[in-house]
Amino acid sequence: MRGTHRLLTTIVALLALQLGSLVAPAYACGCGAMVTNKMARIGVDRETSAVRWDERTGTEQIVMRFTVHGDADQAAWIMPVPHRADVTLGDPKLFDELDRLTAPEHRDRDYFWPRGDDWPFADEDVDGAAAAPPARAGSGVGVVGRERLGPFDVARLTATDPTALSTWLHRNGFELSDRLATELRPYVERKWEYVAVRLAPEKTGETLYGVLDPLRISFANDRPVYPMRLSRLATTPQSLGLFVLSGHRMEPRDSIGGDRPEVLFAGTIGKPSGALAELTGTGPVFLTAVDQSFPEPSRIDGDHELVRAATDTPYREIIWDDRLWTVGEVPVWLISVTGGLLLLTAGGFAAARARRARAGVRSAP
């Protein structure tokens, strides 16, 4: 057990070293731990990822994009991967295309009687317009790759000799988080590797804020998985948007401690194009969009294993746009009520005339 603990400790410290001495964990995000220095803070508001799993070739690709806030001018992100990974920049247009394909369908639905925002109930004084809403490593430490990708410094790491690595790190005065070491234990036991990414704004003095450029991580895998365990370290609720691209409709095996995953879209994309085609090829692919919230990240108890759904039933969310039924610009209810009143009035006049006529006949000599 002592050897395993030392291995966990040294791996975490090595990750911090590779990322430029960013040694104090602040927040966690899905699929990895986000770290920054002790004087800064960074949080992840939203994580959106596209997972492409090709069953024929046994390969998995994950394109990840984070929306962050805080005052950090540099940070780092750590992701465990089951096999040796290749890392490249992702295309931001991919998520624009996925959002377009999975957008809810809007349908109009007319209603007859006026409601609170309609005349004569609406306040006439209110405007009716809607508001617009490479570091050195000691013996037993492997840096299997290091690349500069736009604002990212990417290191891909292995560690096999905990004693030599611990000695080297101690001489360099590195601290580390016991919590992060604990959460990495299952990955160490399964002999996973790690992608360590240092990120910083391209202009000096800027902070990391808003939507970051996406990264694309590719590795061999016999079944699709989305690492989530390190999200247990988050101190605020987490939100995950997941697009799964495969030969069939896919879904998370379970909720892993979050709210029940909600399917927002499921359907076949016949001819992918643009950034999507670069990820999947031009042949048909089944796209499943899943959204999930984690109100209490500490309850996360594993990684998302993605499995084939029982059927390939298509689904698209429908949003009904209710509108008052009109002819031209005149409400149908007003036409109906007015017409009804006119008919009643005309009928009353006709009845009165008929009564007078009958009375005249009876009174004639």
Protein backbone atom coordinates (compact mmCIF):
# COMPACT_ATOMS: atom_id res chain seq x y z
CA MET A 1 0.00 0.00 0.00
CA ARG A 2 2.86 2.40 0.83
CA GLY A 3 4.35 1.86 -2.63
CA THR A 4 1.01 2.54 -4.30
CA HIS A 5 0.56 5.75 -2.31
CA ARG A 6 4.05 6.92 -3.30
CA LEU A 7 3.27 6.16 -6.94
CA LEU A 8 0.05 8.20 -6.78
CA THR A 9 1.87 11.05 -5.06
CA THR A 10 4.71 11.21 -7.55
CA ILE A 11 2.44 11.03 -10.61
CA VAL A 12 0.37 13.95 -9.39
CA ALA A 13 3.45 15.99 -8.58
CA LEU A 14 4.95 15.20 -11.99
CA LEU A 15 1.80 16.51 -13.65
CA ALA A 16 2.14 19.73 -11.71
CA LEU A 17 5.81 19.99 -12.71
CA GLN A 18 5.08 19.45 -16.39
CA LEU A 19 2.51 22.25 -16.25
CA GLY A 20 4.84 24.96 -15.00
CA SER A 21 4.65 24.62 -11.21
CA LEU A 22 0.84 24.95 -11.03
CA VAL A 23 0.63 22.93 -7.85
CA ALA A 24 -2.47 24.03 -5.93
CA PRO A 25 -5.72 22.42 -7.03
CA ALA A 26 -8.62 24.85 -7.22
CA TYR A 27 -11.59 23.42 -9.11
CA ALA A 28 -12.27 20.22 -10.94
CA CYS A 29 -14.10 19.81 -14.19
CA GLY A 30 -15.51 16.73 -15.85
CA CYS A 31 -12.92 14.55 -17.52
CA GLY A 32 -10.02 16.00 -15.56
CA ALA A 33 -8.78 18.25 -12.77
CA MET A 34 -8.30 21.97 -13.36
CA VAL A 35 -5.45 23.45 -11.31
CA THR A 36 -4.00 26.94 -10.91
CA ASN A 37 -1.67 28.74 -8.52
CA LYS A 38 -2.57 29.50 -4.90
CA MET A 39 -3.34 33.17 -5.47
CA ALA A 40 -5.80 32.67 -8.34
CA ARG A 41 -9.11 30.96 -8.88
CA ILE A 42 -10.76 29.34 -11.86
CA GLY A 43 -14.10 27.59 -12.23
CA VAL A 44 -15.77 25.62 -14.99
CA ASP A 45 -19.32 26.71 -15.78
CA ARG A 46 -19.94 24.29 -18.61
CA GLU A 47 -18.18 21.37 -20.24
CA THR A 48 -19.23 20.34 -23.72
CA SER A 49 -17.71 17.32 -25.46
CA ALA A 50 -18.18 15.28 -28.59
CA VAL A 51 -17.30 11.57 -28.34
CA ARG A 52 -16.70 9.69 -31.58
CA TRP A 53 -16.40 5.92 -31.18
CA ASP A 54 -15.66 3.76 -34.19
CA GLU A 55 -16.47 0.15 -33.33
CA ARG A 56 -14.82 -1.17 -36.50
CA THR A 57 -11.39 0.32 -35.77
CA GLY A 58 -11.61 0.31 -31.96
CA THR A 59 -10.77 4.01 -31.69
CA GLU A 60 -12.26 6.77 -29.59
CA GLN A 61 -11.96 10.50 -30.11
CA ILE A 62 -13.01 13.16 -27.62
CA VAL A 63 -13.28 16.82 -28.57
CA MET A 64 -13.61 18.92 -25.41
CA ARG A 65 -14.52 22.56 -24.84
CA PHE A 66 -14.73 24.36 -21.50
CA THR A 67 -16.47 27.55 -20.48
CA VAL A 68 -14.58 29.01 -17.52
CA HIS A 69 -14.61 31.99 -15.15
CA GLY A 70 -12.21 33.42 -12.58
CA ASP A 71 -9.12 35.60 -12.40
CA ALA A 72 -6.36 33.10 -13.29
CA ASP A 73 -3.90 34.11 -16.02
CA GLN A 74 -2.72 30.52 -16.35
CA ALA A 75 -4.08 27.13 -15.44
CA ALA A 76 -3.72 23.45 -16.20
CA TRP A 77 -5.95 20.53 -16.85
CA ILE A 78 -5.26 16.82 -16.27
CA MET A 79 -7.09 13.98 -18.00
CA PRO A 80 -6.59 10.23 -17.51
CA VAL A 81 -6.81 8.13 -20.69
CA PRO A 82 -6.94 4.32 -20.96
CA HIS A 83 -4.30 4.10 -23.73
CA ARG A 84 -1.63 6.17 -25.45
CA ALA A 85 -3.26 9.33 -26.78
CA ASP A 86 -2.70 11.77 -29.63
CA VAL A 87 -3.69 15.38 -29.00
CA THR A 88 -4.52 18.05 -31.58
CA LEU A 89 -6.51 21.26 -31.66
CA GLY A 90 -10.23 20.82 -32.25
CA ASP A 91 -12.36 22.85 -34.63
CA PRO A 92 -14.71 25.28 -32.78
CA LYS A 93 -17.12 25.04 -35.71
CA LEU A 94 -17.82 21.42 -34.72
CA PHE A 95 -19.98 22.50 -31.78
CA ASP A 96 -21.81 25.08 -33.87
CA GLU A 97 -22.73 22.30 -36.29
CA LEU A 98 -23.77 19.92 -33.51
CA ASP A 99 -25.90 22.60 -31.89
CA ARG A 100 -27.60 23.24 -35.22
CA LEU A 101 -28.30 19.57 -35.87
CA THR A 102 -29.71 18.91 -32.41
CA ALA A 103 -31.66 22.14 -31.94
CA PRO A 104 -35.25 21.68 -30.78
CA GLU A 105 -37.98 21.87 -33.39
CA HIS A 106 -40.29 24.83 -32.96
CA ARG A 107 -43.96 24.33 -33.84
CA ASP A 108 -46.76 26.87 -33.75
CA ARG A 109 -49.87 26.09 -31.75
CA ASP A 110 -52.89 28.39 -31.94
CA TYR A 111 -55.21 29.09 -29.03
CA PHE A 112 -58.68 30.61 -29.23
CA TRP A 113 -59.48 32.61 -26.09
CA PRO A 114 -57.21 35.57 -25.11
CA ARG A 115 -54.71 35.15 -22.29
CA GLY A 116 -53.05 37.51 -19.85
CA ASP A 117 -50.71 39.08 -22.42
CA ASP A 118 -53.47 39.53 -25.02
CA TRP A 119 -56.01 42.31 -25.42
CA PRO A 120 -58.16 43.10 -23.53
CA PHE A 121 -56.15 41.79 -20.55
CA ALA A 122 -52.75 43.20 -21.49
CA ASP A 123 -51.62 46.54 -20.04
CA GLU A 124 -51.71 49.01 -22.91
CA ASP A 125 -48.84 51.02 -21.41
CA VAL A 126 -46.43 48.08 -21.63
CA ASP A 127 -44.32 47.67 -24.73
CA GLY A 128 -45.42 44.43 -26.37
CA ALA A 129 -41.98 43.67 -27.84
CA ALA A 130 -40.30 40.64 -26.29
CA ALA A 131 -37.06 41.29 -24.40
CA ALA A 132 -33.91 39.95 -26.04
CA PRO A 133 -33.14 37.48 -23.96
CA PRO A 134 9.52 19.72 -22.09
CA ALA A 135 10.56 19.23 -18.67
CA ARG A 136 13.40 16.93 -17.52
CA ALA A 137 12.37 13.70 -15.88
CA GLY A 138 14.25 11.32 -13.67
CA SER A 139 14.77 7.62 -14.28
CA GLY A 140 11.47 5.80 -14.49
CA VAL A 141 9.57 8.84 -15.75
CA GLY A 142 8.39 8.94 -19.35
CA VAL A 143 7.40 12.01 -21.34
CA VAL A 144 5.99 10.23 -24.38
CA GLY A 145 5.10 13.41 -26.21
CA ARG A 146 4.98 17.16 -25.88
CA GLU A 147 3.41 19.61 -28.29
CA ARG A 148 2.55 23.28 -28.47
CA LEU A 149 -1.02 23.63 -29.81
CA GLY A 150 -2.14 27.24 -30.02
CA PRO A 151 -2.50 28.42 -26.40
CA PHE A 152 -1.95 24.88 -25.06
CA ASP A 153 1.26 23.19 -23.91
CA VAL A 154 0.44 19.47 -24.00
CA ALA A 155 2.48 16.75 -22.25
CA ARG A 156 1.66 13.04 -22.40
CA LEU A 157 3.10 11.19 -19.42
CA THR A 158 3.86 7.79 -17.89
CA ALA A 159 5.53 6.86 -14.59
CA THR A 160 6.87 3.42 -13.62
CA ASP A 161 9.54 4.03 -10.91
CA PRO A 162 8.00 5.79 -7.90
CA THR A 163 11.20 5.83 -5.83
CA ALA A 164 13.36 7.67 -8.36
CA LEU A 165 10.53 10.03 -9.23
CA SER A 166 9.76 10.84 -5.59
CA THR A 167 13.39 11.69 -4.92
CA TRP A 168 13.60 13.97 -7.93
CA LEU A 169 10.40 15.80 -7.05
CA HIS A 170 11.40 16.24 -3.40
CA ARG A 171 14.65 17.91 -4.46
CA ASN A 172 12.60 20.34 -6.55
CA GLY A 173 10.25 21.27 -3.69
CA PHE A 174 6.89 20.34 -5.18
CA GLU A 175 3.69 20.18 -3.18
CA LEU A 176 0.66 18.12 -4.09
CA SER A 177 -2.95 17.57 -3.21
CA ASP A 178 -3.79 14.43 -1.22
CA ARG A 179 -7.35 14.56 -2.62
CA LEU A 180 -6.13 14.51 -6.20
CA ALA A 181 -3.80 11.60 -5.43
CA THR A 182 -6.70 9.66 -3.93
CA GLU A 183 -8.96 10.23 -6.94
CA LEU A 184 -6.21 9.11 -9.33
CA ARG A 185 -5.79 5.76 -7.54
CA PRO A 186 -8.25 3.80 -9.76
CA TYR A 187 -6.50 5.05 -12.91
CA VAL A 188 -3.06 4.13 -11.58
CA GLU A 189 -4.26 0.64 -10.70
CA ARG A 190 -5.60 0.19 -14.24
CA LYS A 191 -2.32 1.50 -15.72
CA TRP A 192 -3.93 4.42 -17.53
CA GLU A 193 -1.81 7.24 -18.92
CA TYR A 194 -2.30 11.00 -18.58
CA VAL A 195 -2.72 14.02 -20.77
CA ALA A 196 -1.50 17.16 -19.00
CA VAL A 197 -2.35 20.48 -20.61
CA ARG A 198 -1.04 23.89 -19.62
CA LEU A 199 -3.17 26.73 -20.93
CA ALA A 200 -2.71 30.48 -20.88
CA PRO A 201 -4.12 33.50 -22.75
CA GLU A 202 -2.21 34.41 -25.89
CA LYS A 203 -1.80 38.02 -24.67
CA THR A 204 0.12 38.81 -21.49
CA GLY A 205 -2.05 40.11 -18.67
CA GLU A 206 -5.30 38.57 -19.87
CA THR A 207 -7.25 36.13 -17.72
CA LEU A 208 -8.83 32.84 -18.67
CA TYR A 209 -12.49 33.59 -19.15
CA GLY A 210 -15.32 32.44 -21.39
CA VAL A 211 -15.22 29.66 -23.98
CA LEU A 212 -11.77 28.11 -24.48
CA ASP A 213 -10.52 26.56 -27.71
CA PRO A 214 -11.40 22.86 -27.98
CA LEU A 215 -8.87 20.02 -27.81
CA ARG A 216 -9.16 16.74 -29.68
CA ILE A 217 -7.84 13.61 -27.94
CA SER A 218 -7.65 10.27 -29.78
CA PHE A 219 -6.81 6.83 -28.39
CA ALA A 220 -7.52 3.14 -28.91
CA ASN A 221 -10.44 1.75 -26.92
CA ASP A 222 -12.60 -1.35 -27.18
CA ARG A 223 -15.59 0.41 -25.59
CA PRO A 224 -16.39 4.12 -25.32
CA VAL A 225 -15.79 5.78 -21.98
CA TYR A 226 -15.91 9.36 -20.80
CA PRO A 227 -13.67 9.96 -17.73
CA MET A 228 -15.55 11.83 -14.99
CA ARG A 229 -14.13 10.64 -11.64
CA LEU A 230 -11.93 13.69 -11.09
CA SER A 231 -15.03 15.87 -11.13
CA ARG A 232 -15.53 14.75 -7.54
CA LEU A 233 -13.06 17.50 -6.63
CA ALA A 234 -15.37 20.28 -7.85
CA THR A 235 -16.76 22.59 -5.18
CA THR A 236 -19.66 23.95 -7.25
CA PRO A 237 -22.39 22.18 -9.29
CA GLN A 238 -21.21 20.90 -12.66
CA SER A 239 -22.95 20.74 -16.05
CA LEU A 240 -22.10 18.34 -18.86
CA GLY A 241 -23.22 18.40 -22.47
CA LEU A 242 -22.27 15.26 -24.38
CA PHE A 243 -22.61 14.53 -28.09
CA VAL A 244 -22.04 10.83 -28.86
CA LEU A 245 -21.35 9.83 -32.48
CA SER A 246 -21.39 6.15 -33.27
CA GLY A 247 -23.12 3.52 -35.37
CA HIS A 248 -26.15 3.40 -33.07
CA ARG A 249 -27.97 5.36 -30.42
CA MET A 250 -25.81 5.46 -27.28
CA GLU A 251 -26.45 6.35 -23.67
CA PRO A 252 -24.59 6.45 -20.33
CA ARG A 253 -24.90 3.17 -18.47
CA ASP A 254 -25.92 4.99 -15.27
CA SER A 255 -25.97 8.43 -13.69
CA ILE A 256 -22.68 7.99 -11.72
CA GLY A 257 -23.96 10.19 -8.89
CA GLY A 258 -25.54 13.01 -10.89
CA ASP A 259 -29.05 13.73 -12.05
CA ARG A 260 -30.52 11.31 -14.56
CA PRO A 261 -28.97 11.97 -18.02
CA GLU A 262 -31.49 13.60 -20.33
CA VAL A 263 -31.55 12.77 -24.05
CA LEU A 264 -32.10 15.95 -26.06
CA PHE A 265 -31.65 14.46 -29.52
CA ALA A 266 -31.22 11.09 -31.20
CA GLY A 267 -31.08 10.52 -34.94
CA THR A 268 -29.06 9.55 -37.98
CA ILE A 269 -27.00 12.20 -39.76
CA GLY A 270 -27.01 11.02 -43.36
CA LYS A 271 -24.27 13.19 -44.88
CA PRO A 272 -22.00 14.88 -42.33
CA SER A 273 -20.13 17.89 -43.65
CA GLY A 274 -17.57 20.47 -42.54
CA ALA A 275 -16.03 20.02 -39.09
CA LEU A 276 -18.36 17.10 -38.33
CA ALA A 277 -17.19 15.19 -41.41
CA GLU A 278 -13.57 15.69 -40.32
CA LEU A 279 -14.42 13.86 -37.12
CA THR A 280 -16.74 11.13 -38.39
CA GLY A 281 -16.15 10.83 -42.15
CA THR A 282 -18.83 11.48 -44.74
CA GLY A 283 -20.87 8.32 -44.17
CA PRO A 284 -24.03 8.10 -42.04
CA VAL A 285 -23.53 8.34 -38.29
CA PHE A 286 -25.95 8.17 -35.38
CA LEU A 287 -25.87 11.24 -33.13
CA THR A 288 -27.10 11.24 -29.55
CA ALA A 289 -27.10 14.45 -27.50
CA VAL A 290 -27.16 14.03 -23.71
CA ASP A 291 -27.30 16.66 -21.01
CA GLN A 292 -26.60 16.02 -17.33
CA SER A 293 -26.27 18.05 -14.15
CA PHE A 294 -24.21 17.22 -11.08
CA PRO A 295 -25.64 19.27 -8.18
CA GLU A 296 -23.29 17.54 -5.71
CA PRO A 297 -20.04 16.63 -7.53
CA SER A 298 -18.70 14.80 -4.47
CA ARG A 299 -21.27 12.05 -5.20
CA ILE A 300 -19.69 11.17 -8.57
CA ASP A 301 -18.55 7.57 -8.22
CA GLY A 302 -17.00 6.63 -11.56
CA ASP A 303 -16.60 7.32 -15.26
CA HIS A 304 -19.33 7.40 -17.86
CA GLU A 305 -19.43 4.11 -19.74
CA LEU A 306 -21.36 4.65 -22.96
CA VAL A 307 -23.46 1.70 -24.12
CA ARG A 308 -25.79 1.01 -27.02
CA ALA A 309 -29.42 1.81 -26.33
CA ALA A 310 -32.06 -0.89 -26.65
CA THR A 311 -33.35 0.66 -29.90
CA ASP A 312 -32.28 3.32 -32.37
CA THR A 313 -35.48 5.27 -31.83
CA PRO A 314 -35.07 8.83 -33.09
CA TYR A 315 -35.98 11.75 -30.86
CA ARG A 316 -36.03 15.52 -31.17
CA GLU A 317 -37.27 17.94 -28.54
CA ILE A 318 -40.31 19.96 -29.61
CA ILE A 319 -40.95 23.45 -28.31
CA TRP A 320 -44.49 24.69 -28.82
CA ASP A 321 -44.84 28.38 -29.62
CA ASP A 322 -48.36 29.33 -28.59
CA ARG A 323 -50.00 32.19 -30.46
CA LEU A 324 -53.44 33.74 -30.52
CA TRP A 325 -55.47 32.50 -33.46
CA THR A 326 -56.07 35.40 -35.86
CA VAL A 327 -57.37 36.12 -39.34
CA GLY A 328 -55.17 38.82 -40.72
CA GLU A 329 -54.49 40.73 -37.51
CA VAL A 330 -57.96 40.28 -36.04
CA PRO A 331 -58.37 37.64 -33.29
CA VAL A 332 -60.74 34.86 -34.28
CA TRP A 333 -62.41 34.99 -30.86
CA LEU A 334 -63.31 38.64 -31.46
CA ILE A 335 -64.70 37.84 -34.91
CA SER A 336 -66.70 34.96 -33.44
CA VAL A 337 -68.06 36.94 -30.51
CA THR A 338 -68.88 39.96 -32.66
CA GLY A 339 -70.52 37.78 -35.30
CA GLY A 340 -72.48 35.94 -32.66
CA LEU A 341 -73.72 39.20 -31.14
CA LEU A 342 -74.72 40.48 -34.58
CA LEU A 343 -76.61 37.26 -35.27
CA LEU A 344 -78.37 37.44 -31.93
CA THR A 345 -79.27 41.07 -32.54
CA ALA A 346 -80.50 40.36 -36.04
CA GLY A 347 -82.46 37.41 -34.74
CA GLY A 348 -84.02 39.60 -32.07
CA PHE A 349 -85.09 42.18 -34.62
CA ALA A 350 -86.50 39.47 -36.87
CA ALA A 351 -88.45 37.94 -33.98
CA ALA A 352 -89.81 41.33 -32.96
CA ARG A 353 -90.88 42.08 -36.52
CA ALA A 354 -92.58 38.72 -36.78
CA ARG A 355 -94.47 39.32 -33.54
CA ARG A 356 -95.65 42.73 -34.75
CA ALA A 357 -96.75 41.23 -38.05
CA ARG A 358 -98.78 38.52 -36.30
CA ALA A 359 -100.32 41.09 -33.99
CA GLY A 360 -101.33 43.23 -37.00
CA VAL A 361 -103.00 40.29 -38.67
CA ARG A 362 -105.01 39.45 -35.56
CA SER A 363 -106.18 43.05 -35.15
CA ALA A 364 -107.30 43.50 -38.78
CA PRO A 365 -111.17 43.70 -39.23
